[in-house]
Amino acid sequence: MVETSPPRPRALRQITRDAVRTRIADIAIDLFAEHGFDRVTVDQIAAAAGISTRSFNRYFPVKEDTVMGDAELWGETVRDAFIARPSEEPAWASLHSAFDRMLATSQVDAAREKKMLLVLVGAPTLRARHLEKHQSWAGLLVPLVRERLAGSDTEVRAEAIVHAAIACFDVAVMSWARAEEDRPAREFLRIAFDARLVSA
């Protein structure tokens, strides 16, 4: 997203809250990676973090949120990055740039991100939440892509394009998480988006 003015500084209280949320999430992801998501309880996470269960629930209503993060905020980041692209640019290229922008903006440690992704695919409840995230992102992007399309059946075509782009993003980040070589996630994203252009 192109900034038109300097971002407003966050209040100290919010900075502290974000730091505590990150610490709790890190502890939770370590426990999930070691023992399995379904075998770890909220009480265990809270105890490992040195807080009460009630305090945990003030930061995370459910334990799935420690892995999923702020999916809505990232969806808005992709949406805003798409809007910032030239209107004459093909929708597919704009979607690639928008998802690339999200990866470039992320400040999450790479090792932690990979661990989180591997935890995510290993738990059915997390995969269900992941699908919900996809639907919310598609809800933001489909109307924007539809505006770029000419001709008939624009709704169906926009849905197909957006869900294909989200699938490419998922394939890219999961390939990155599983890869042994040290290549950036953005490179896997480029490969995934370019694959659409190669005939089977």
N, C-alpha and C. Protein backbone atom coordinates (compact mmCIF):
# COMPACT_ATOMS: atom_id res chain seq x y z
N MET A 1 0.83 -1.18 0.00
CA MET A 1 0.00 0.00 0.00
C MET A 1 0.87 1.24 0.00
N VAL A 2 0.57 2.20 -0.84
CA VAL A 2 1.33 3.43 -0.91
C VAL A 2 0.87 4.37 0.20
N GLU A 3 1.78 4.79 1.04
CA GLU A 3 1.43 5.70 2.12
C GLU A 3 1.35 7.13 1.60
N THR A 4 0.26 7.83 1.89
CA THR A 4 0.13 9.23 1.49
C THR A 4 0.55 10.17 2.60
N SER A 5 0.68 9.65 3.79
CA SER A 5 1.13 10.45 4.92
C SER A 5 1.80 9.51 5.91
N PRO A 6 2.69 10.04 6.77
CA PRO A 6 3.36 9.18 7.74
C PRO A 6 2.36 8.49 8.64
N PRO A 7 2.58 7.19 8.95
CA PRO A 7 1.64 6.49 9.83
C PRO A 7 1.63 7.10 11.22
N ARG A 8 0.47 7.10 11.87
CA ARG A 8 0.36 7.64 13.22
C ARG A 8 1.07 6.71 14.20
N PRO A 9 1.84 7.26 15.12
CA PRO A 9 2.54 6.39 16.08
C PRO A 9 1.54 5.65 16.96
N ARG A 10 1.85 4.39 17.26
CA ARG A 10 0.98 3.62 18.13
C ARG A 10 1.21 4.03 19.58
N ALA A 11 0.15 3.96 20.35
CA ALA A 11 0.25 4.28 21.78
C ALA A 11 1.10 3.22 22.46
N LEU A 12 1.80 3.63 23.52
CA LEU A 12 2.67 2.71 24.26
C LEU A 12 1.89 1.51 24.76
N ARG A 13 0.65 1.71 25.17
CA ARG A 13 -0.17 0.61 25.67
C ARG A 13 -0.40 -0.43 24.57
N GLN A 14 -0.63 0.02 23.34
CA GLN A 14 -0.86 -0.91 22.23
C GLN A 14 0.42 -1.64 21.87
N ILE A 15 1.55 -0.93 21.91
CA ILE A 15 2.84 -1.57 21.63
C ILE A 15 3.11 -2.68 22.64
N THR A 16 2.84 -2.39 23.90
CA THR A 16 3.03 -3.40 24.96
C THR A 16 2.10 -4.58 24.75
N ARG A 17 0.86 -4.31 24.41
CA ARG A 17 -0.11 -5.38 24.18
C ARG A 17 0.33 -6.26 23.01
N ASP A 18 0.80 -5.63 21.93
CA ASP A 18 1.25 -6.39 20.77
C ASP A 18 2.45 -7.27 21.12
N ALA A 19 3.35 -6.75 21.96
CA ALA A 19 4.53 -7.52 22.36
C ALA A 19 4.12 -8.73 23.18
N VAL A 20 3.15 -8.55 24.07
CA VAL A 20 2.68 -9.67 24.89
C VAL A 20 1.99 -10.70 24.02
N ARG A 21 1.17 -10.25 23.08
CA ARG A 21 0.50 -11.18 22.16
C ARG A 21 1.52 -12.00 21.37
N THR A 22 2.56 -11.34 20.90
CA THR A 22 3.60 -12.04 20.13
C THR A 22 4.29 -13.08 20.99
N ARG A 23 4.59 -12.73 22.25
CA ARG A 23 5.27 -13.68 23.15
C ARG A 23 4.39 -14.90 23.41
N ILE A 24 3.10 -14.66 23.68
CA ILE A 24 2.19 -15.77 23.94
C ILE A 24 2.08 -16.66 22.70
N ALA A 25 1.96 -16.03 21.53
CA ALA A 25 1.84 -16.79 20.28
C ALA A 25 3.09 -17.62 20.03
N ASP A 26 4.25 -17.05 20.29
CA ASP A 26 5.50 -17.79 20.10
C ASP A 26 5.54 -19.03 21.00
N ILE A 27 5.16 -18.86 22.24
CA ILE A 27 5.14 -19.98 23.18
C ILE A 27 4.15 -21.04 22.72
N ALA A 28 2.97 -20.60 22.29
CA ALA A 28 1.94 -21.54 21.84
C ALA A 28 2.42 -22.33 20.62
N ILE A 29 3.01 -21.65 19.65
CA ILE A 29 3.46 -22.32 18.43
C ILE A 29 4.56 -23.33 18.75
N ASP A 30 5.46 -22.99 19.67
CA ASP A 30 6.49 -23.96 20.09
C ASP A 30 5.85 -25.20 20.71
N LEU A 31 4.84 -25.01 21.54
CA LEU A 31 4.16 -26.14 22.16
C LEU A 31 3.42 -26.98 21.11
N PHE A 32 2.76 -26.31 20.19
CA PHE A 32 2.04 -27.03 19.13
C PHE A 32 3.01 -27.85 18.28
N ALA A 33 4.15 -27.24 17.93
CA ALA A 33 5.13 -27.93 17.09
C ALA A 33 5.69 -29.16 17.80
N GLU A 34 5.84 -29.07 19.11
CA GLU A 34 6.44 -30.18 19.87
C GLU A 34 5.43 -31.28 20.18
N HIS A 35 4.20 -30.90 20.54
CA HIS A 35 3.24 -31.88 21.06
C HIS A 35 2.05 -32.12 20.13
N GLY A 36 1.84 -31.25 19.16
CA GLY A 36 0.64 -31.35 18.32
C GLY A 36 -0.41 -30.37 18.79
N PHE A 37 -1.06 -29.72 17.84
CA PHE A 37 -2.03 -28.67 18.19
C PHE A 37 -3.14 -29.19 19.11
N ASP A 38 -3.72 -30.33 18.77
CA ASP A 38 -4.87 -30.82 19.51
C ASP A 38 -4.52 -31.30 20.92
N ARG A 39 -3.25 -31.56 21.19
CA ARG A 39 -2.85 -32.08 22.49
C ARG A 39 -2.47 -30.97 23.48
N VAL A 40 -2.42 -29.75 22.99
CA VAL A 40 -2.03 -28.62 23.85
C VAL A 40 -3.29 -27.84 24.23
N THR A 41 -3.46 -27.58 25.53
CA THR A 41 -4.62 -26.83 26.00
C THR A 41 -4.27 -25.37 26.25
N VAL A 42 -5.31 -24.57 26.35
CA VAL A 42 -5.12 -23.16 26.69
C VAL A 42 -4.46 -23.03 28.05
N ASP A 43 -4.86 -23.87 29.00
CA ASP A 43 -4.26 -23.82 30.34
C ASP A 43 -2.75 -24.06 30.27
N GLN A 44 -2.32 -24.99 29.41
CA GLN A 44 -0.89 -25.27 29.28
C GLN A 44 -0.15 -24.09 28.66
N ILE A 45 -0.76 -23.47 27.67
CA ILE A 45 -0.12 -22.30 27.06
C ILE A 45 0.01 -21.18 28.08
N ALA A 46 -1.06 -20.94 28.81
CA ALA A 46 -1.05 -19.87 29.81
C ALA A 46 0.01 -20.14 30.88
N ALA A 47 0.10 -21.38 31.33
CA ALA A 47 1.09 -21.72 32.35
C ALA A 47 2.50 -21.51 31.82
N ALA A 48 2.75 -21.91 30.59
CA ALA A 48 4.09 -21.74 30.00
C ALA A 48 4.43 -20.27 29.83
N ALA A 49 3.40 -19.45 29.61
CA ALA A 49 3.62 -18.01 29.43
C ALA A 49 3.65 -17.26 30.76
N GLY A 50 3.32 -17.95 31.84
CA GLY A 50 3.33 -17.31 33.16
C GLY A 50 2.17 -16.38 33.39
N ILE A 51 1.02 -16.70 32.77
CA ILE A 51 -0.18 -15.87 32.94
C ILE A 51 -1.35 -16.78 33.28
N SER A 52 -2.46 -16.19 33.67
CA SER A 52 -3.66 -16.97 33.95
C SER A 52 -4.39 -17.27 32.65
N THR A 53 -5.26 -18.26 32.72
CA THR A 53 -6.09 -18.58 31.54
C THR A 53 -6.97 -17.39 31.17
N ARG A 54 -7.48 -16.71 32.18
CA ARG A 54 -8.30 -15.53 31.90
C ARG A 54 -7.50 -14.46 31.16
N SER A 55 -6.25 -14.28 31.55
CA SER A 55 -5.40 -13.30 30.85
C SER A 55 -5.15 -13.74 29.41
N PHE A 56 -4.93 -15.04 29.22
CA PHE A 56 -4.75 -15.56 27.86
C PHE A 56 -5.95 -15.20 26.99
N ASN A 57 -7.15 -15.40 27.54
CA ASN A 57 -8.36 -15.16 26.77
C ASN A 57 -8.59 -13.68 26.48
N ARG A 58 -7.94 -12.81 27.20
CA ARG A 58 -8.03 -11.39 26.88
C ARG A 58 -7.23 -11.07 25.62
N TYR A 59 -6.19 -11.84 25.37
CA TYR A 59 -5.37 -11.64 24.17
C TYR A 59 -5.83 -12.51 23.00
N PHE A 60 -6.30 -13.71 23.30
CA PHE A 60 -6.72 -14.65 22.26
C PHE A 60 -8.01 -15.34 22.71
N PRO A 61 -9.12 -15.05 22.07
CA PRO A 61 -10.38 -15.70 22.47
C PRO A 61 -10.33 -17.22 22.40
N VAL A 62 -9.62 -17.75 21.40
CA VAL A 62 -9.46 -19.20 21.25
C VAL A 62 -8.01 -19.48 20.87
N LYS A 63 -7.55 -20.71 21.12
CA LYS A 63 -6.13 -21.00 20.89
C LYS A 63 -5.78 -20.97 19.41
N GLU A 64 -6.75 -21.20 18.51
CA GLU A 64 -6.48 -21.12 17.07
C GLU A 64 -5.94 -19.75 16.67
N ASP A 65 -6.35 -18.71 17.39
CA ASP A 65 -5.93 -17.35 17.05
C ASP A 65 -4.43 -17.13 17.26
N THR A 66 -3.80 -17.96 18.09
CA THR A 66 -2.35 -17.80 18.29
C THR A 66 -1.58 -18.17 17.02
N VAL A 67 -2.18 -19.00 16.19
CA VAL A 67 -1.54 -19.42 14.94
C VAL A 67 -2.00 -18.56 13.77
N MET A 68 -3.29 -18.27 13.72
CA MET A 68 -3.85 -17.57 12.56
C MET A 68 -3.47 -16.11 12.51
N GLY A 69 -3.20 -15.50 13.66
CA GLY A 69 -2.86 -14.09 13.67
C GLY A 69 -4.05 -13.23 13.26
N ASP A 70 -3.75 -12.03 12.75
CA ASP A 70 -4.80 -11.10 12.34
C ASP A 70 -5.06 -11.27 10.85
N ALA A 71 -5.82 -12.31 10.50
CA ALA A 71 -6.06 -12.61 9.09
C ALA A 71 -6.81 -11.48 8.39
N GLU A 72 -7.72 -10.83 9.11
CA GLU A 72 -8.49 -9.74 8.52
C GLU A 72 -7.57 -8.58 8.12
N LEU A 73 -6.62 -8.26 8.98
CA LEU A 73 -5.70 -7.16 8.68
C LEU A 73 -4.87 -7.47 7.44
N TRP A 74 -4.38 -8.71 7.31
CA TRP A 74 -3.59 -9.07 6.13
C TRP A 74 -4.44 -9.04 4.88
N GLY A 75 -5.70 -9.42 4.99
CA GLY A 75 -6.59 -9.32 3.84
C GLY A 75 -6.75 -7.88 3.39
N GLU A 76 -6.85 -6.98 4.34
CA GLU A 76 -6.95 -5.56 4.00
C GLU A 76 -5.66 -5.05 3.37
N THR A 77 -4.52 -5.59 3.81
CA THR A 77 -3.24 -5.20 3.22
C THR A 77 -3.19 -5.59 1.75
N VAL A 78 -3.63 -6.82 1.44
CA VAL A 78 -3.65 -7.27 0.04
C VAL A 78 -4.63 -6.42 -0.77
N ARG A 79 -5.80 -6.18 -0.21
CA ARG A 79 -6.79 -5.36 -0.91
C ARG A 79 -6.25 -3.97 -1.23
N ASP A 80 -5.64 -3.32 -0.25
CA ASP A 80 -5.12 -1.97 -0.47
C ASP A 80 -3.98 -1.96 -1.48
N ALA A 81 -3.16 -3.01 -1.45
CA ALA A 81 -2.06 -3.10 -2.42
C ALA A 81 -2.61 -3.30 -3.83
N PHE A 82 -3.70 -4.06 -3.95
CA PHE A 82 -4.33 -4.24 -5.27
C PHE A 82 -4.89 -2.91 -5.77
N ILE A 83 -5.57 -2.19 -4.91
CA ILE A 83 -6.16 -0.90 -5.29
C ILE A 83 -5.08 0.07 -5.76
N ALA A 84 -3.90 -0.02 -5.16
CA ALA A 84 -2.81 0.90 -5.51
C ALA A 84 -2.19 0.59 -6.87
N ARG A 85 -2.47 -0.56 -7.45
CA ARG A 85 -1.91 -0.91 -8.75
C ARG A 85 -2.62 -0.14 -9.86
N PRO A 86 -1.95 0.08 -11.01
CA PRO A 86 -2.59 0.79 -12.14
C PRO A 86 -3.85 0.06 -12.61
N SER A 87 -4.91 0.79 -12.86
CA SER A 87 -6.19 0.17 -13.23
C SER A 87 -6.11 -0.57 -14.56
N GLU A 88 -5.18 -0.18 -15.43
CA GLU A 88 -5.06 -0.84 -16.73
C GLU A 88 -4.22 -2.12 -16.67
N GLU A 89 -3.61 -2.38 -15.52
CA GLU A 89 -2.79 -3.58 -15.38
C GLU A 89 -3.69 -4.81 -15.31
N PRO A 90 -3.29 -5.92 -15.95
CA PRO A 90 -4.10 -7.15 -15.84
C PRO A 90 -4.31 -7.54 -14.38
N ALA A 91 -5.51 -8.01 -14.07
CA ALA A 91 -5.86 -8.34 -12.68
C ALA A 91 -4.90 -9.36 -12.08
N TRP A 92 -4.48 -10.34 -12.89
CA TRP A 92 -3.57 -11.37 -12.38
C TRP A 92 -2.25 -10.77 -11.93
N ALA A 93 -1.72 -9.85 -12.72
CA ALA A 93 -0.45 -9.20 -12.37
C ALA A 93 -0.62 -8.35 -11.10
N SER A 94 -1.77 -7.69 -10.99
CA SER A 94 -2.02 -6.87 -9.80
C SER A 94 -2.16 -7.73 -8.55
N LEU A 95 -2.79 -8.88 -8.68
CA LEU A 95 -2.91 -9.80 -7.54
C LEU A 95 -1.54 -10.31 -7.11
N HIS A 96 -0.72 -10.66 -8.09
CA HIS A 96 0.64 -11.09 -7.77
C HIS A 96 1.37 -10.00 -7.00
N SER A 97 1.30 -8.77 -7.49
CA SER A 97 1.97 -7.66 -6.81
C SER A 97 1.41 -7.43 -5.41
N ALA A 98 0.10 -7.61 -5.26
CA ALA A 98 -0.53 -7.38 -3.95
C ALA A 98 -0.07 -8.42 -2.93
N PHE A 99 -0.04 -9.69 -3.33
CA PHE A 99 0.43 -10.72 -2.40
C PHE A 99 1.93 -10.59 -2.14
N ASP A 100 2.66 -10.19 -3.16
CA ASP A 100 4.09 -9.95 -2.98
C ASP A 100 4.32 -8.82 -1.98
N ARG A 101 3.49 -7.81 -2.06
CA ARG A 101 3.58 -6.68 -1.12
C ARG A 101 3.34 -7.15 0.32
N MET A 102 2.39 -8.06 0.49
CA MET A 102 2.13 -8.57 1.83
C MET A 102 3.34 -9.31 2.38
N LEU A 103 3.96 -10.14 1.55
CA LEU A 103 5.15 -10.87 2.00
C LEU A 103 6.28 -9.91 2.32
N ALA A 104 6.42 -8.86 1.52
CA ALA A 104 7.49 -7.89 1.75
C ALA A 104 7.25 -7.08 3.02
N THR A 105 5.98 -6.90 3.39
CA THR A 105 5.62 -6.08 4.55
C THR A 105 5.76 -6.85 5.85
N SER A 106 5.59 -8.18 5.79
CA SER A 106 5.59 -9.00 7.00
C SER A 106 6.90 -8.85 7.76
N GLN A 107 6.78 -8.64 9.07
CA GLN A 107 7.94 -8.49 9.93
C GLN A 107 8.18 -9.74 10.78
N VAL A 108 7.44 -10.82 10.49
CA VAL A 108 7.56 -12.04 11.28
C VAL A 108 8.87 -12.74 10.96
N ASP A 109 9.53 -13.25 12.00
CA ASP A 109 10.76 -14.00 11.82
C ASP A 109 10.50 -15.21 10.93
N ALA A 110 11.40 -15.44 9.97
CA ALA A 110 11.18 -16.50 8.97
C ALA A 110 11.06 -17.87 9.61
N ALA A 111 11.92 -18.19 10.58
CA ALA A 111 11.88 -19.50 11.23
C ALA A 111 10.56 -19.70 11.96
N ARG A 112 10.10 -18.66 12.64
CA ARG A 112 8.82 -18.75 13.34
C ARG A 112 7.67 -18.91 12.35
N GLU A 113 7.73 -18.17 11.25
CA GLU A 113 6.67 -18.25 10.24
C GLU A 113 6.58 -19.66 9.66
N LYS A 114 7.73 -20.25 9.36
CA LYS A 114 7.73 -21.61 8.81
C LYS A 114 7.15 -22.60 9.82
N LYS A 115 7.54 -22.47 11.07
CA LYS A 115 7.01 -23.36 12.11
C LYS A 115 5.50 -23.22 12.22
N MET A 116 5.02 -21.98 12.17
CA MET A 116 3.59 -21.71 12.27
C MET A 116 2.83 -22.35 11.10
N LEU A 117 3.38 -22.23 9.89
CA LEU A 117 2.72 -22.80 8.72
C LEU A 117 2.64 -24.32 8.81
N LEU A 118 3.69 -24.95 9.29
CA LEU A 118 3.69 -26.41 9.42
C LEU A 118 2.72 -26.86 10.51
N VAL A 119 2.58 -26.08 11.57
CA VAL A 119 1.57 -26.37 12.59
C VAL A 119 0.18 -26.26 11.98
N LEU A 120 -0.02 -25.24 11.18
CA LEU A 120 -1.33 -24.96 10.58
C LEU A 120 -1.84 -26.14 9.75
N VAL A 121 -1.00 -26.68 8.89
CA VAL A 121 -1.45 -27.75 8.00
C VAL A 121 -1.63 -29.08 8.73
N GLY A 122 -1.14 -29.16 9.97
CA GLY A 122 -1.22 -30.41 10.70
C GLY A 122 -2.45 -30.57 11.57
N ALA A 123 -3.30 -29.55 11.62
CA ALA A 123 -4.47 -29.60 12.50
C ALA A 123 -5.75 -29.30 11.73
N PRO A 124 -6.74 -30.20 11.75
CA PRO A 124 -7.98 -29.96 11.01
C PRO A 124 -8.70 -28.67 11.37
N THR A 125 -8.74 -28.32 12.66
CA THR A 125 -9.44 -27.10 13.05
C THR A 125 -8.75 -25.86 12.50
N LEU A 126 -7.42 -25.91 12.43
CA LEU A 126 -6.69 -24.78 11.86
C LEU A 126 -6.90 -24.70 10.35
N ARG A 127 -6.96 -25.85 9.70
CA ARG A 127 -7.20 -25.83 8.25
C ARG A 127 -8.58 -25.25 7.95
N ALA A 128 -9.55 -25.53 8.81
CA ALA A 128 -10.89 -24.97 8.63
C ALA A 128 -10.86 -23.45 8.78
N ARG A 129 -10.14 -22.97 9.78
CA ARG A 129 -10.00 -21.52 9.97
C ARG A 129 -9.26 -20.89 8.80
N HIS A 130 -8.30 -21.64 8.26
CA HIS A 130 -7.54 -21.17 7.10
C HIS A 130 -8.47 -20.97 5.91
N LEU A 131 -9.40 -21.88 5.72
CA LEU A 131 -10.38 -21.76 4.64
C LEU A 131 -11.28 -20.55 4.85
N GLU A 132 -11.67 -20.31 6.10
CA GLU A 132 -12.47 -19.12 6.41
C GLU A 132 -11.70 -17.85 6.04
N LYS A 133 -10.39 -17.86 6.30
CA LYS A 133 -9.56 -16.72 5.94
C LYS A 133 -9.59 -16.50 4.44
N HIS A 134 -9.49 -17.58 3.68
CA HIS A 134 -9.53 -17.47 2.22
C HIS A 134 -10.84 -16.84 1.75
N GLN A 135 -11.93 -17.26 2.36
CA GLN A 135 -13.22 -16.72 1.97
C GLN A 135 -13.32 -15.23 2.27
N SER A 136 -12.77 -14.81 3.41
CA SER A 136 -12.83 -13.39 3.76
C SER A 136 -11.95 -12.57 2.81
N TRP A 137 -10.79 -13.09 2.45
CA TRP A 137 -9.93 -12.39 1.49
C TRP A 137 -10.61 -12.30 0.13
N ALA A 138 -11.22 -13.40 -0.29
CA ALA A 138 -11.91 -13.39 -1.59
C ALA A 138 -13.04 -12.36 -1.59
N GLY A 139 -13.74 -12.24 -0.47
CA GLY A 139 -14.81 -11.25 -0.38
C GLY A 139 -14.32 -9.83 -0.60
N LEU A 140 -13.09 -9.56 -0.21
CA LEU A 140 -12.50 -8.24 -0.41
C LEU A 140 -12.01 -8.03 -1.85
N LEU A 141 -11.51 -9.10 -2.46
CA LEU A 141 -10.82 -8.97 -3.74
C LEU A 141 -11.71 -9.17 -4.96
N VAL A 142 -12.71 -10.04 -4.86
CA VAL A 142 -13.53 -10.34 -6.03
C VAL A 142 -14.19 -9.10 -6.63
N PRO A 143 -14.81 -8.22 -5.82
CA PRO A 143 -15.42 -7.02 -6.43
C PRO A 143 -14.41 -6.14 -7.16
N LEU A 144 -13.18 -6.07 -6.65
CA LEU A 144 -12.16 -5.25 -7.29
C LEU A 144 -11.71 -5.86 -8.61
N VAL A 145 -11.55 -7.16 -8.64
CA VAL A 145 -11.16 -7.83 -9.88
C VAL A 145 -12.28 -7.75 -10.90
N ARG A 146 -13.52 -7.91 -10.45
CA ARG A 146 -14.67 -7.84 -11.36
C ARG A 146 -14.71 -6.50 -12.10
N GLU A 147 -14.33 -5.43 -11.42
CA GLU A 147 -14.33 -4.11 -12.06
C GLU A 147 -13.31 -4.02 -13.19
N ARG A 148 -12.28 -4.86 -13.15
CA ARG A 148 -11.23 -4.84 -14.18
C ARG A 148 -11.62 -5.63 -15.43
N LEU A 149 -12.65 -6.46 -15.33
CA LEU A 149 -12.97 -7.40 -16.40
C LEU A 149 -14.01 -6.83 -17.35
N ALA A 150 -13.84 -7.11 -18.62
CA ALA A 150 -14.81 -6.74 -19.64
C ALA A 150 -15.54 -7.99 -20.11
N GLY A 151 -16.66 -7.79 -20.78
CA GLY A 151 -17.38 -8.92 -21.34
C GLY A 151 -18.40 -9.49 -20.38
N SER A 152 -18.77 -10.74 -20.61
CA SER A 152 -19.82 -11.38 -19.83
C SER A 152 -19.25 -12.26 -18.73
N ASP A 153 -20.15 -12.72 -17.86
CA ASP A 153 -19.80 -13.65 -16.78
C ASP A 153 -18.65 -13.15 -15.92
N THR A 154 -18.64 -11.84 -15.65
CA THR A 154 -17.51 -11.27 -14.90
C THR A 154 -17.46 -11.76 -13.47
N GLU A 155 -18.61 -12.08 -12.87
CA GLU A 155 -18.61 -12.56 -11.48
C GLU A 155 -17.92 -13.91 -11.38
N VAL A 156 -18.28 -14.83 -12.27
CA VAL A 156 -17.67 -16.15 -12.25
C VAL A 156 -16.18 -16.06 -12.54
N ARG A 157 -15.81 -15.26 -13.52
CA ARG A 157 -14.40 -15.12 -13.88
C ARG A 157 -13.60 -14.48 -12.76
N ALA A 158 -14.20 -13.48 -12.10
CA ALA A 158 -13.50 -12.82 -10.99
C ALA A 158 -13.29 -13.78 -9.83
N GLU A 159 -14.32 -14.58 -9.51
CA GLU A 159 -14.19 -15.58 -8.46
C GLU A 159 -13.07 -16.56 -8.79
N ALA A 160 -13.04 -17.03 -10.03
CA ALA A 160 -12.02 -18.01 -10.43
C ALA A 160 -10.62 -17.41 -10.34
N ILE A 161 -10.46 -16.19 -10.80
CA ILE A 161 -9.15 -15.54 -10.78
C ILE A 161 -8.66 -15.34 -9.35
N VAL A 162 -9.54 -14.84 -8.49
CA VAL A 162 -9.14 -14.54 -7.11
C VAL A 162 -8.81 -15.83 -6.35
N HIS A 163 -9.65 -16.84 -6.48
CA HIS A 163 -9.37 -18.09 -5.74
C HIS A 163 -8.14 -18.78 -6.30
N ALA A 164 -7.88 -18.65 -7.59
CA ALA A 164 -6.64 -19.20 -8.15
C ALA A 164 -5.43 -18.47 -7.58
N ALA A 165 -5.55 -17.15 -7.43
CA ALA A 165 -4.44 -16.36 -6.87
C ALA A 165 -4.19 -16.74 -5.42
N ILE A 166 -5.26 -16.91 -4.64
CA ILE A 166 -5.10 -17.31 -3.24
C ILE A 166 -4.47 -18.70 -3.15
N ALA A 167 -4.86 -19.60 -4.06
CA ALA A 167 -4.26 -20.93 -4.09
C ALA A 167 -2.77 -20.85 -4.41
N CYS A 168 -2.41 -19.98 -5.35
CA CYS A 168 -0.99 -19.79 -5.68
C CYS A 168 -0.22 -19.28 -4.47
N PHE A 169 -0.82 -18.35 -3.74
CA PHE A 169 -0.19 -17.82 -2.54
C PHE A 169 0.04 -18.93 -1.52
N ASP A 170 -0.98 -19.77 -1.30
CA ASP A 170 -0.86 -20.86 -0.34
C ASP A 170 0.21 -21.85 -0.76
N VAL A 171 0.21 -22.23 -2.03
CA VAL A 171 1.23 -23.17 -2.53
C VAL A 171 2.62 -22.58 -2.32
N ALA A 172 2.76 -21.30 -2.58
CA ALA A 172 4.06 -20.64 -2.47
C ALA A 172 4.57 -20.66 -1.03
N VAL A 173 3.73 -20.24 -0.08
CA VAL A 173 4.22 -20.14 1.29
C VAL A 173 4.44 -21.52 1.91
N MET A 174 3.62 -22.50 1.53
CA MET A 174 3.83 -23.84 2.07
C MET A 174 5.08 -24.47 1.45
N SER A 175 5.33 -24.23 0.17
CA SER A 175 6.56 -24.73 -0.45
C SER A 175 7.77 -24.10 0.20
N TRP A 176 7.66 -22.83 0.50
CA TRP A 176 8.75 -22.12 1.19
C TRP A 176 8.97 -22.71 2.58
N ALA A 177 7.88 -22.99 3.30
CA ALA A 177 7.99 -23.52 4.67
C ALA A 177 8.66 -24.89 4.69
N ARG A 178 8.41 -25.69 3.65
CA ARG A 178 8.95 -27.06 3.62
C ARG A 178 10.33 -27.12 2.98
N ALA A 179 10.73 -26.09 2.27
CA ALA A 179 11.99 -26.13 1.52
C ALA A 179 13.19 -26.14 2.46
N GLU A 180 14.18 -26.91 2.09
CA GLU A 180 15.42 -26.94 2.87
C GLU A 180 16.36 -25.81 2.48
N GLU A 181 16.31 -25.42 1.21
CA GLU A 181 17.18 -24.33 0.77
C GLU A 181 16.65 -23.00 1.26
N ASP A 182 17.54 -22.04 1.39
CA ASP A 182 17.18 -20.74 1.96
C ASP A 182 16.84 -19.77 0.83
N ARG A 183 15.63 -19.89 0.32
CA ARG A 183 15.14 -18.96 -0.70
C ARG A 183 13.97 -18.17 -0.13
N PRO A 184 13.82 -16.91 -0.51
CA PRO A 184 12.73 -16.10 0.04
C PRO A 184 11.37 -16.58 -0.44
N ALA A 185 10.36 -16.37 0.39
CA ALA A 185 9.00 -16.77 0.05
C ALA A 185 8.52 -16.07 -1.23
N ARG A 186 8.99 -14.85 -1.44
CA ARG A 186 8.56 -14.11 -2.63
C ARG A 186 9.00 -14.79 -3.92
N GLU A 187 10.10 -15.52 -3.88
CA GLU A 187 10.53 -16.25 -5.07
C GLU A 187 9.58 -17.40 -5.36
N PHE A 188 9.13 -18.10 -4.32
CA PHE A 188 8.15 -19.16 -4.52
C PHE A 188 6.83 -18.58 -5.02
N LEU A 189 6.49 -17.39 -4.57
CA LEU A 189 5.26 -16.75 -5.04
C LEU A 189 5.35 -16.47 -6.54
N ARG A 190 6.48 -15.98 -6.99
CA ARG A 190 6.66 -15.70 -8.42
C ARG A 190 6.52 -16.98 -9.23
N ILE A 191 7.13 -18.06 -8.76
CA ILE A 191 7.05 -19.33 -9.47
C ILE A 191 5.60 -19.80 -9.56
N ALA A 192 4.87 -19.70 -8.46
CA ALA A 192 3.48 -20.16 -8.43
C ALA A 192 2.61 -19.33 -9.37
N PHE A 193 2.75 -18.02 -9.35
CA PHE A 193 1.94 -17.18 -10.22
C PHE A 193 2.33 -17.35 -11.69
N ASP A 194 3.61 -17.57 -11.96
CA ASP A 194 4.03 -17.78 -13.35
C ASP A 194 3.55 -19.11 -13.90
N ALA A 195 3.30 -20.07 -13.01
CA ALA A 195 2.86 -21.40 -13.46
C ALA A 195 1.55 -21.33 -14.22
N ARG A 196 0.71 -20.37 -13.90
CA ARG A 196 -0.57 -20.20 -14.60
C ARG A 196 -0.35 -19.92 -16.08
N LEU A 197 0.77 -19.33 -16.41
CA LEU A 197 1.03 -18.93 -17.78
C LEU A 197 1.65 -20.04 -18.61
N VAL A 198 1.97 -21.16 -17.96
CA VAL A 198 2.61 -22.28 -18.66
C VAL A 198 1.54 -23.31 -19.00
N SER A 199 1.48 -23.72 -20.26
CA SER A 199 0.47 -24.70 -20.64
C SER A 199 0.85 -26.07 -20.07
N ALA A 200 -0.18 -26.81 -19.65
CA ALA A 200 0.05 -28.14 -19.06
C ALA A 200 0.51 -29.15 -20.10
